């Protein structure tokens, strides 16, 4: 598994992480077996970073339930978010998230969609100083918020920024990825499959024959390899509730990465379908 460096510390993390939006939002006991297989597949293939949020329903609780039973629980990198307004509400929510995820220390606490960030950011700094969290970050999921993310990064030092980026949503290539690199901020990429729309678009289409030159055998790997080939991407966080799909995703983090000319060829191929 390819790794990338978190600029603020020099720590390395695998370039493929795992999101939990929708996939981990379940109370169904029968889902535990399938999600356990997903988690095991993720870990065995070299994955470490798991991203969640209070916004994702039962996802944080499910992360805690599954990882607490895993022998590799302490090897994972746990990321979640604060998603509320008000000082005390934010503190209460973050404490609750840590309880749900069964963690005494959270690796990365992010301000979800910049919600009340001026209130929460000083608390995140205090918690980082106290060792309660290791990294702090900000997030959004729309191109229209890139300017706001940049303004916060320039005004307030953070360790991570999370935003959307995919082969058909390439606006982050215009500026934001380079601003993050300039400021020494690690990047987490959400919506790499356009919330599944790309699979709907591509499911009946053949992979190009030249994908084999990059050891790509699935559309999931094709789409993810395009993203991680950008050198300013630290980690991408696809979500899946299917162990085989997770295995396909993880293969994107291995082997040869496309150069810039090939990335353009990949994007043109998808646009033409």
C-alpha atoms as a PDB file:
ATOM      1  CA  UNK A   1       0.000   0.000   0.000  1.00  0.00           C
ATOM      2  CA  UNK A   2       1.327   3.396  -1.010  1.00  0.00           C
ATOM      3  CA  UNK A   3       1.624   5.855   1.882  1.00  0.00           C
ATOM      4  CA  UNK A   4       1.645   9.639   2.019  1.00  0.00           C
ATOM      5  CA  UNK A   5       3.024  11.988   4.659  1.00  0.00           C
ATOM      6  CA  UNK A   6       0.990  14.204   6.982  1.00  0.00           C
ATOM      7  CA  UNK A   7       2.921  17.473   6.538  1.00  0.00           C
ATOM      8  CA  UNK A   8       2.466  18.806  10.081  1.00  0.00           C
ATOM      9  CA  UNK A   9       4.225  15.811  11.683  1.00  0.00           C
ATOM     10  CA  UNK A  10       5.852  13.638   9.007  1.00  0.00           C
ATOM     11  CA  UNK A  11       3.702  10.653  10.016  1.00  0.00           C
ATOM     12  CA  UNK A  12       2.804   8.383   7.092  1.00  0.00           C
ATOM     13  CA  UNK A  13      -0.663   6.983   6.416  1.00  0.00           C
ATOM     14  CA  UNK A  14      -1.907   4.622   3.678  1.00  0.00           C
ATOM     15  CA  UNK A  15      -3.361   6.451   0.717  1.00  0.00           C
ATOM     16  CA  UNK A  16      -6.641   4.471   0.751  1.00  0.00           C
ATOM     17  CA  UNK A  17      -8.835   4.982   3.805  1.00  0.00           C
ATOM     18  CA  UNK A  18     -12.462   4.132   4.488  1.00  0.00           C
ATOM     19  CA  UNK A  19     -15.547   6.314   4.793  1.00  0.00           C
ATOM     20  CA  UNK A  20     -18.625   5.273   6.754  1.00  0.00           C
ATOM     21  CA  UNK A  21     -21.391   7.473   5.324  1.00  0.00           C
ATOM     22  CA  UNK A  22     -24.510   5.302   4.730  1.00  0.00           C
ATOM     23  CA  UNK A  23     -22.560   2.026   4.861  1.00  0.00           C
ATOM     24  CA  UNK A  24     -22.050   1.986   8.648  1.00  0.00           C
ATOM     25  CA  UNK A  25     -25.358   3.681   9.497  1.00  0.00           C
ATOM     26  CA  UNK A  26     -27.172   0.563  10.615  1.00  0.00           C
ATOM     27  CA  UNK A  27     -28.606  -1.053  13.731  1.00  0.00           C
ATOM     28  CA  UNK A  28     -29.151  -4.359  11.950  1.00  0.00           C
ATOM     29  CA  UNK A  29     -27.307  -7.160  13.739  1.00  0.00           C
ATOM     30  CA  UNK A  30     -27.069  -9.111  10.498  1.00  0.00           C
ATOM     31  CA  UNK A  31     -25.017  -6.253   9.056  1.00  0.00           C
ATOM     32  CA  UNK A  32     -22.308  -6.773  11.662  1.00  0.00           C
ATOM     33  CA  UNK A  33     -20.958  -9.880   9.926  1.00  0.00           C
ATOM     34  CA  UNK A  34     -20.730  -8.210   6.516  1.00  0.00           C
ATOM     35  CA  UNK A  35     -19.194  -5.035   7.936  1.00  0.00           C
ATOM     36  CA  UNK A  36     -16.729  -7.088   9.973  1.00  0.00           C
ATOM     37  CA  UNK A  37     -15.608  -8.676   6.699  1.00  0.00           C
ATOM     38  CA  UNK A  38     -15.278  -5.201   5.160  1.00  0.00           C
ATOM     39  CA  UNK A  39     -13.161  -3.998   8.101  1.00  0.00           C
ATOM     40  CA  UNK A  40     -10.928  -7.083   8.009  1.00  0.00           C
ATOM     41  CA  UNK A  41     -10.446  -6.767   4.252  1.00  0.00           C
ATOM     42  CA  UNK A  42      -9.591  -3.087   4.666  1.00  0.00           C
ATOM     43  CA  UNK A  43      -6.997  -3.756   7.365  1.00  0.00           C
ATOM     44  CA  UNK A  44      -5.419  -6.782   5.696  1.00  0.00           C
ATOM     45  CA  UNK A  45      -4.951  -4.812   2.481  1.00  0.00           C
ATOM     46  CA  UNK A  46      -3.075  -2.095   4.365  1.00  0.00           C
ATOM     47  CA  UNK A  47      -5.837   0.395   5.172  1.00  0.00           C
ATOM     48  CA  UNK A  48      -5.763   2.322   8.444  1.00  0.00           C
ATOM     49  CA  UNK A  49      -7.773   5.585   8.389  1.00  0.00           C
ATOM     50  CA  UNK A  50     -11.515   5.298   9.122  1.00  0.00           C
ATOM     51  CA  UNK A  51     -13.588   8.474   8.815  1.00  0.00           C
ATOM     52  CA  UNK A  52     -16.988   9.025  10.442  1.00  0.00           C
ATOM     53  CA  UNK A  53     -19.272  11.762  11.803  1.00  0.00           C
ATOM     54  CA  UNK A  54     -22.262  12.318  14.110  1.00  0.00           C
ATOM     55  CA  UNK A  55     -24.082  13.249  10.902  1.00  0.00           C
ATOM     56  CA  UNK A  56     -23.857   9.624   9.737  1.00  0.00           C
ATOM     57  CA  UNK A  57     -26.500   8.232  12.083  1.00  0.00           C
ATOM     58  CA  UNK A  58     -25.301   5.041  13.766  1.00  0.00           C
ATOM     59  CA  UNK A  59     -21.940   4.963  11.982  1.00  0.00           C
ATOM     60  CA  UNK A  60     -19.765   6.036  14.919  1.00  0.00           C
ATOM     61  CA  UNK A  61     -21.384   3.440  17.172  1.00  0.00           C
ATOM     62  CA  UNK A  62     -20.852   0.748  14.532  1.00  0.00           C
ATOM     63  CA  UNK A  63     -17.189   1.742  14.163  1.00  0.00           C
ATOM     64  CA  UNK A  64     -16.797   1.337  17.919  1.00  0.00           C
ATOM     65  CA  UNK A  65     -18.656  -1.970  17.982  1.00  0.00           C
ATOM     66  CA  UNK A  66     -16.607  -3.517  15.185  1.00  0.00           C
ATOM     67  CA  UNK A  67     -13.170  -2.186  16.057  1.00  0.00           C
ATOM     68  CA  UNK A  68     -13.488  -3.005  19.763  1.00  0.00           C
ATOM     69  CA  UNK A  69     -13.608  -6.684  18.757  1.00  0.00           C
ATOM     70  CA  UNK A  70     -10.682  -6.427  16.339  1.00  0.00           C
ATOM     71  CA  UNK A  71      -7.161  -7.434  17.466  1.00  0.00           C
ATOM     72  CA  UNK A  72      -5.798  -4.578  15.342  1.00  0.00           C
ATOM     73  CA  UNK A  73      -8.020  -1.874  16.903  1.00  0.00           C
ATOM     74  CA  UNK A  74      -5.103   0.200  18.156  1.00  0.00           C
ATOM     75  CA  UNK A  75      -3.386   0.152  14.770  1.00  0.00           C
ATOM     76  CA  UNK A  76      -6.191   2.061  13.073  1.00  0.00           C
ATOM     77  CA  UNK A  77      -6.371   5.820  12.536  1.00  0.00           C
ATOM     78  CA  UNK A  78      -9.729   7.132  13.798  1.00  0.00           C
ATOM     79  CA  UNK A  79     -11.225  10.290  12.316  1.00  0.00           C
ATOM     80  CA  UNK A  80     -14.558  11.870  13.134  1.00  0.00           C
ATOM     81  CA  UNK A  81     -16.162  15.313  13.272  1.00  0.00           C
ATOM     82  CA  UNK A  82     -18.032  17.879  15.327  1.00  0.00           C
ATOM     83  CA  UNK A  83     -21.291  18.867  13.651  1.00  0.00           C
ATOM     84  CA  UNK A  84     -23.314  21.182  15.861  1.00  0.00           C
ATOM     85  CA  UNK A  85     -23.479  24.789  17.041  1.00  0.00           C
ATOM     86  CA  UNK A  86     -22.468  26.186  20.393  1.00  0.00           C
ATOM     87  CA  UNK A  87     -19.500  25.657  22.687  1.00  0.00           C
ATOM     88  CA  UNK A  88     -21.037  23.244  25.180  1.00  0.00           C
ATOM     89  CA  UNK A  89     -22.971  21.355  22.519  1.00  0.00           C
ATOM     90  CA  UNK A  90     -19.749  20.844  20.588  1.00  0.00           C
ATOM     91  CA  UNK A  91     -17.869  19.567  23.630  1.00  0.00           C
ATOM     92  CA  UNK A  92     -20.746  17.246  24.528  1.00  0.00           C
ATOM     93  CA  UNK A  93     -20.957  15.895  20.989  1.00  0.00           C
ATOM     94  CA  UNK A  94     -17.226  15.239  20.705  1.00  0.00           C
ATOM     95  CA  UNK A  95     -17.132  13.443  24.058  1.00  0.00           C
ATOM     96  CA  UNK A  96     -20.090  11.336  22.923  1.00  0.00           C
ATOM     97  CA  UNK A  97     -18.356  10.499  19.630  1.00  0.00           C
ATOM     98  CA  UNK A  98     -15.308   9.276  21.500  1.00  0.00           C
ATOM     99  CA  UNK A  99     -17.497   7.091  23.707  1.00  0.00           C
ATOM    100  CA  UNK A 100     -19.347   5.676  20.697  1.00  0.00           C
ATOM    101  CA  UNK A 101     -16.101   4.900  18.887  1.00  0.00           C
ATOM    102  CA  UNK A 102     -14.613   3.430  22.067  1.00  0.00           C
ATOM    103  CA  UNK A 103     -11.563   5.680  21.932  1.00  0.00           C
ATOM    104  CA  UNK A 104      -9.785   7.591  24.689  1.00  0.00           C
ATOM    105  CA  UNK A 105      -7.854   9.493  21.999  1.00  0.00           C
ATOM    106  CA  UNK A 106      -9.170  10.405  18.542  1.00  0.00           C
ATOM    107  CA  UNK A 107      -6.537  10.662  15.842  1.00  0.00           C
ATOM    108  CA  UNK A 108      -8.346  13.354  13.853  1.00  0.00           C
ATOM    109  CA  UNK A 109     -11.239  15.604  14.908  1.00  0.00           C
ATOM    110  CA  UNK A 110     -12.669  17.720  12.103  1.00  0.00           C
ATOM    111  CA  UNK A 111     -15.203  20.538  11.952  1.00  0.00           C
ATOM    112  CA  UNK A 112     -17.894  19.130   9.679  1.00  0.00           C
ATOM    113  CA  UNK A 113     -18.811  21.445   6.806  1.00  0.00           C
ATOM    114  CA  UNK A 114     -17.229  24.350   8.733  1.00  0.00           C
ATOM    115  CA  UNK A 115     -20.236  24.401  11.070  1.00  0.00           C
ATOM    116  CA  UNK A 116     -19.622  27.066  13.757  1.00  0.00           C
ATOM    117  CA  UNK A 117     -15.894  26.665  13.179  1.00  0.00           C
ATOM    118  CA  UNK A 118     -14.897  29.814  15.065  1.00  0.00           C
ATOM    119  CA  UNK A 119     -16.443  28.342  18.218  1.00  0.00           C
ATOM    120  CA  UNK A 120     -15.086  24.808  17.851  1.00  0.00           C
ATOM    121  CA  UNK A 121     -11.545  25.424  16.611  1.00  0.00           C
ATOM    122  CA  UNK A 122     -10.191  26.836  19.926  1.00  0.00           C
ATOM    123  CA  UNK A 123     -11.572  23.768  21.726  1.00  0.00           C
ATOM    124  CA  UNK A 124      -9.897  21.453  19.215  1.00  0.00           C
ATOM    125  CA  UNK A 125      -6.610  23.241  19.846  1.00  0.00           C
ATOM    126  CA  UNK A 126      -7.018  22.813  23.609  1.00  0.00           C
ATOM    127  CA  UNK A 127      -7.824  19.120  23.205  1.00  0.00           C
ATOM    128  CA  UNK A 128      -4.826  18.646  20.929  1.00  0.00           C
ATOM    129  CA  UNK A 129      -2.543  20.288  23.500  1.00  0.00           C
ATOM    130  CA  UNK A 130      -4.023  18.008  26.172  1.00  0.00           C
ATOM    131  CA  UNK A 131      -3.454  14.884  24.020  1.00  0.00           C
ATOM    132  CA  UNK A 132      -7.144  14.112  23.672  1.00  0.00           C
ATOM    133  CA  UNK A 133      -6.921  14.414  19.882  1.00  0.00           C
ATOM    134  CA  UNK A 134      -3.837  14.149  17.690  1.00  0.00           C
ATOM    135  CA  UNK A 135      -4.827  16.202  14.639  1.00  0.00           C
ATOM    136  CA  UNK A 136      -7.433  18.844  13.816  1.00  0.00           C
ATOM    137  CA  UNK A 137      -9.156  19.471  10.511  1.00  0.00           C
ATOM    138  CA  UNK A 138     -11.945  21.149   8.564  1.00  0.00           C
ATOM    139  CA  UNK A 139     -14.267  19.682   5.941  1.00  0.00           C
ATOM    140  CA  UNK A 140     -16.791  20.395   3.226  1.00  0.00           C
ATOM    141  CA  UNK A 141     -18.268  18.471   0.329  1.00  0.00           C
ATOM    142  CA  UNK A 142     -19.085  21.102  -2.327  1.00  0.00           C
ATOM    143  CA  UNK A 143     -17.020  23.051  -4.820  1.00  0.00           C
ATOM    144  CA  UNK A 144     -18.824  26.248  -3.796  1.00  0.00           C
ATOM    145  CA  UNK A 145     -17.173  26.051  -0.355  1.00  0.00           C
ATOM    146  CA  UNK A 146     -13.566  25.811  -1.559  1.00  0.00           C
ATOM    147  CA  UNK A 147     -12.974  29.532  -1.063  1.00  0.00           C
ATOM    148  CA  UNK A 148     -14.189  29.262   2.537  1.00  0.00           C
ATOM    149  CA  UNK A 149     -11.902  26.287   3.192  1.00  0.00           C
ATOM    150  CA  UNK A 150      -8.948  28.220   1.806  1.00  0.00           C
ATOM    151  CA  UNK A 151      -9.740  31.278   3.944  1.00  0.00           C
ATOM    152  CA  UNK A 152      -9.834  29.177   7.106  1.00  0.00           C
ATOM    153  CA  UNK A 153      -6.607  27.359   6.225  1.00  0.00           C
ATOM    154  CA  UNK A 154      -4.833  30.656   5.647  1.00  0.00           C
ATOM    155  CA  UNK A 155      -6.178  32.200   8.845  1.00  0.00           C
ATOM    156  CA  UNK A 156      -5.954  29.231  11.223  1.00  0.00           C
ATOM    157  CA  UNK A 157      -3.327  26.460  11.043  1.00  0.00           C
ATOM    158  CA  UNK A 158      -4.958  23.033  10.722  1.00  0.00           C
ATOM    159  CA  UNK A 159      -3.517  19.585  10.061  1.00  0.00           C
ATOM    160  CA  UNK A 160      -6.140  18.258   7.613  1.00  0.00           C
ATOM    161  CA  UNK A 161      -8.666  19.537   5.109  1.00  0.00           C
ATOM    162  CA  UNK A 162     -11.342  17.244   3.668  1.00  0.00           C
ATOM    163  CA  UNK A 163     -13.248  17.942   0.443  1.00  0.00           C
ATOM    164  CA  UNK A 164     -14.819  16.317  -2.622  1.00  0.00           C
ATOM    165  CA  UNK A 165     -12.760  15.302  -5.629  1.00  0.00           C
ATOM    166  CA  UNK A 166     -13.399  12.761  -8.382  1.00  0.00           C
ATOM    167  CA  UNK A 167     -12.636  12.102 -12.015  1.00  0.00           C
ATOM    168  CA  UNK A 168     -15.746  14.089 -12.993  1.00  0.00           C
ATOM    169  CA  UNK A 169     -15.554  16.661 -10.163  1.00  0.00           C
ATOM    170  CA  UNK A 170     -12.081  18.011 -10.787  1.00  0.00           C
ATOM    171  CA  UNK A 171     -12.411  21.575  -9.465  1.00  0.00           C
ATOM    172  CA  UNK A 172     -10.002  20.822  -6.609  1.00  0.00           C
ATOM    173  CA  UNK A 173      -7.241  20.508  -9.233  1.00  0.00           C
ATOM    174  CA  UNK A 174      -7.623  24.172 -10.121  1.00  0.00           C
ATOM    175  CA  UNK A 175      -6.445  25.526  -6.772  1.00  0.00           C
ATOM    176  CA  UNK A 176      -7.410  23.831  -3.503  1.00  0.00           C
ATOM    177  CA  UNK A 177      -5.045  20.851  -3.738  1.00  0.00           C
ATOM    178  CA  UNK A 178      -2.152  23.213  -4.376  1.00  0.00           C
ATOM    179  CA  UNK A 179      -3.141  25.595  -1.577  1.00  0.00           C
ATOM    180  CA  UNK A 180      -3.192  22.667   0.864  1.00  0.00           C
ATOM    181  CA  UNK A 181       0.290  21.624  -0.275  1.00  0.00           C
ATOM    182  CA  UNK A 182       1.549  25.213  -0.025  1.00  0.00           C
ATOM    183  CA  UNK A 183       0.272  25.505   3.555  1.00  0.00           C
ATOM    184  CA  UNK A 184       1.395  22.036   4.635  1.00  0.00           C
ATOM    185  CA  UNK A 185      -2.114  20.675   5.180  1.00  0.00           C
ATOM    186  CA  UNK A 186      -2.932  16.993   4.585  1.00  0.00           C
ATOM    187  CA  UNK A 187      -5.880  16.290   2.270  1.00  0.00           C
ATOM    188  CA  UNK A 188      -8.695  13.795   2.777  1.00  0.00           C
ATOM    189  CA  UNK A 189     -10.823  13.190  -0.303  1.00  0.00           C
ATOM    190  CA  UNK A 190     -14.535  12.479   0.025  1.00  0.00           C
ATOM    191  CA  UNK A 191     -17.123  11.554  -2.634  1.00  0.00           C
ATOM    192  CA  UNK A 192     -14.521   9.847  -4.888  1.00  0.00           C
ATOM    193  CA  UNK A 193     -17.336   8.036  -6.702  1.00  0.00           C
ATOM    194  CA  UNK A 194     -19.687  11.025  -6.820  1.00  0.00           C
ATOM    195  CA  UNK A 195     -21.903   9.359  -4.168  1.00  0.00           C
ATOM    196  CA  UNK A 196     -22.195   6.309  -6.417  1.00  0.00           C
ATOM    197  CA  UNK A 197     -23.297   8.178  -9.512  1.00  0.00           C
ATOM    198  CA  UNK A 198     -20.112   7.249 -11.346  1.00  0.00           C
ATOM    199  CA  UNK A 199     -20.784   3.543 -10.880  1.00  0.00           C
ATOM    200  CA  UNK A 200     -24.307   3.997 -12.241  1.00  0.00           C
ATOM    201  CA  UNK A 201     -22.774   5.712 -15.241  1.00  0.00           C
ATOM    202  CA  UNK A 202     -20.020   3.152 -15.798  1.00  0.00           C
ATOM    203  CA  UNK A 203     -21.410  -0.207 -14.647  1.00  0.00           C
ATOM    204  CA  UNK A 204     -22.205  -1.496 -18.143  1.00  0.00           C
ATOM    205  CA  UNK A 205     -19.129  -0.017 -19.786  1.00  0.00           C
ATOM    206  CA  UNK A 206     -15.855  -1.901 -20.381  1.00  0.00           C
ATOM    207  CA  UNK A 207     -12.603  -0.830 -18.830  1.00  0.00           C
ATOM    208  CA  UNK A 208     -10.162   0.451 -21.457  1.00  0.00           C
ATOM    209  CA  UNK A 209      -7.655  -2.214 -22.484  1.00  0.00           C
ATOM    210  CA  UNK A 210      -4.759  -0.006 -21.345  1.00  0.00           C
ATOM    211  CA  UNK A 211      -6.035  -0.060 -17.739  1.00  0.00           C
ATOM    212  CA  UNK A 212      -4.258  -3.411 -17.387  1.00  0.00           C
ATOM    213  CA  UNK A 213      -0.929  -1.584 -17.731  1.00  0.00           C
ATOM    214  CA  UNK A 214      -1.739   0.047 -14.360  1.00  0.00           C
ATOM    215  CA  UNK A 215      -2.907  -3.256 -12.824  1.00  0.00           C
ATOM    216  CA  UNK A 216      -6.482  -1.925 -12.814  1.00  0.00           C
ATOM    217  CA  UNK A 217      -9.141  -4.606 -12.921  1.00  0.00           C
ATOM    218  CA  UNK A 218     -12.243  -2.726 -11.702  1.00  0.00           C
ATOM    219  CA  UNK A 219     -13.896   0.651 -12.126  1.00  0.00           C
ATOM    220  CA  UNK A 220     -13.435   1.299  -8.413  1.00  0.00           C
ATOM    221  CA  UNK A 221      -9.672   0.951  -8.727  1.00  0.00           C
ATOM    222  CA  UNK A 222      -9.698   3.035 -11.927  1.00  0.00           C
ATOM    223  CA  UNK A 223     -11.512   5.942 -10.259  1.00  0.00           C
ATOM    224  CA  UNK A 224      -9.440   5.819  -7.075  1.00  0.00           C
ATOM    225  CA  UNK A 225      -6.114   5.472  -8.841  1.00  0.00           C
ATOM    226  CA  UNK A 226      -6.895   8.628 -10.805  1.00  0.00           C
ATOM    227  CA  UNK A 227      -7.325  10.512  -7.502  1.00  0.00           C
ATOM    228  CA  UNK A 228      -4.321   9.207  -5.602  1.00  0.00           C
ATOM    229  CA  UNK A 229      -2.063   9.780  -8.597  1.00  0.00           C
ATOM    230  CA  UNK A 230      -2.317  13.473  -7.731  1.00  0.00           C
ATOM    231  CA  UNK A 231       0.696  13.989  -5.496  1.00  0.00           C
ATOM    232  CA  UNK A 232      -1.142  16.450  -3.240  1.00  0.00           C
ATOM    233  CA  UNK A 233      -3.749  13.881  -2.214  1.00  0.00           C
ATOM    234  CA  UNK A 234      -2.906  12.376   1.171  1.00  0.00           C
ATOM    235  CA  UNK A 235      -5.756   9.876   1.545  1.00  0.00           C
ATOM    236  CA  UNK A 236      -9.053   9.084  -0.176  1.00  0.00           C
ATOM    237  CA  UNK A 237     -11.961   7.620   1.801  1.00  0.00           C
ATOM    238  CA  UNK A 238     -14.356   5.490  -0.294  1.00  0.00           C
ATOM    239  CA  UNK A 239     -17.167   3.736   1.559  1.00  0.00           C
ATOM    240  CA  UNK A 240     -18.402   0.194   0.954  1.00  0.00           C
ATOM    241  CA  UNK A 241     -20.535  -2.395   2.723  1.00  0.00           C
ATOM    242  CA  UNK A 242     -19.272  -5.184   0.448  1.00  0.00           C
ATOM    243  CA  UNK A 243     -15.968  -6.921   1.226  1.00  0.00           C
ATOM    244  CA  UNK A 244     -15.212  -7.720  -2.413  1.00  0.00           C
ATOM    245  CA  UNK A 245     -15.790  -4.114  -3.429  1.00  0.00           C
ATOM    246  CA  UNK A 246     -13.526  -3.034  -0.584  1.00  0.00           C
ATOM    247  CA  UNK A 247     -10.835  -5.404  -1.839  1.00  0.00           C
ATOM    248  CA  UNK A 248     -11.142  -3.889  -5.314  1.00  0.00           C
ATOM    249  CA  UNK A 249     -10.858  -0.388  -3.843  1.00  0.00           C
ATOM    250  CA  UNK A 250      -7.749  -1.245  -1.874  1.00  0.00           C
ATOM    251  CA  UNK A 251      -5.925  -2.505  -4.971  1.00  0.00           C
ATOM    252  CA  UNK A 252      -5.898   1.072  -6.242  1.00  0.00           C
ATOM    253  CA  UNK A 253      -3.355   1.871  -3.550  1.00  0.00           C
ATOM    254  CA  UNK A 254      -0.822  -0.608  -4.904  1.00  0.00           C
ATOM    255  CA  UNK A 255       1.500  -0.719  -7.877  1.00  0.00           C
ATOM    256  CA  UNK A 256       2.054   1.849 -10.603  1.00  0.00           C
ATOM    257  CA  UNK A 257       0.341   5.236 -10.530  1.00  0.00           C
ATOM    258  CA  UNK A 258      -0.566   7.009 -13.769  1.00  0.00           C
ATOM    259  CA  UNK A 259       1.449  10.031 -14.818  1.00  0.00           C
ATOM    260  CA  UNK A 260      -0.281  13.306 -15.676  1.00  0.00           C
ATOM    261  CA  UNK A 261      -0.696  12.428 -19.333  1.00  0.00           C
ATOM    262  CA  UNK A 262      -2.355   9.131 -18.423  1.00  0.00           C
ATOM    263  CA  UNK A 263      -4.591  10.825 -15.855  1.00  0.00           C
ATOM    264  CA  UNK A 264      -5.895  13.109 -18.605  1.00  0.00           C
ATOM    265  CA  UNK A 265      -6.437  10.058 -20.787  1.00  0.00           C
ATOM    266  CA  UNK A 266      -8.422   8.407 -17.973  1.00  0.00           C
ATOM    267  CA  UNK A 267     -10.612  11.481 -17.471  1.00  0.00           C
ATOM    268  CA  UNK A 268     -11.236  11.836 -21.207  1.00  0.00           C
ATOM    269  CA  UNK A 269     -12.235   8.166 -21.472  1.00  0.00           C
ATOM    270  CA  UNK A 270     -14.827   8.516 -18.682  1.00  0.00           C
ATOM    271  CA  UNK A 271     -16.187  11.797 -20.071  1.00  0.00           C
ATOM    272  CA  UNK A 272     -16.700  10.196 -23.467  1.00  0.00           C
ATOM    273  CA  UNK A 273     -18.845   7.316 -22.137  1.00  0.00           C
END
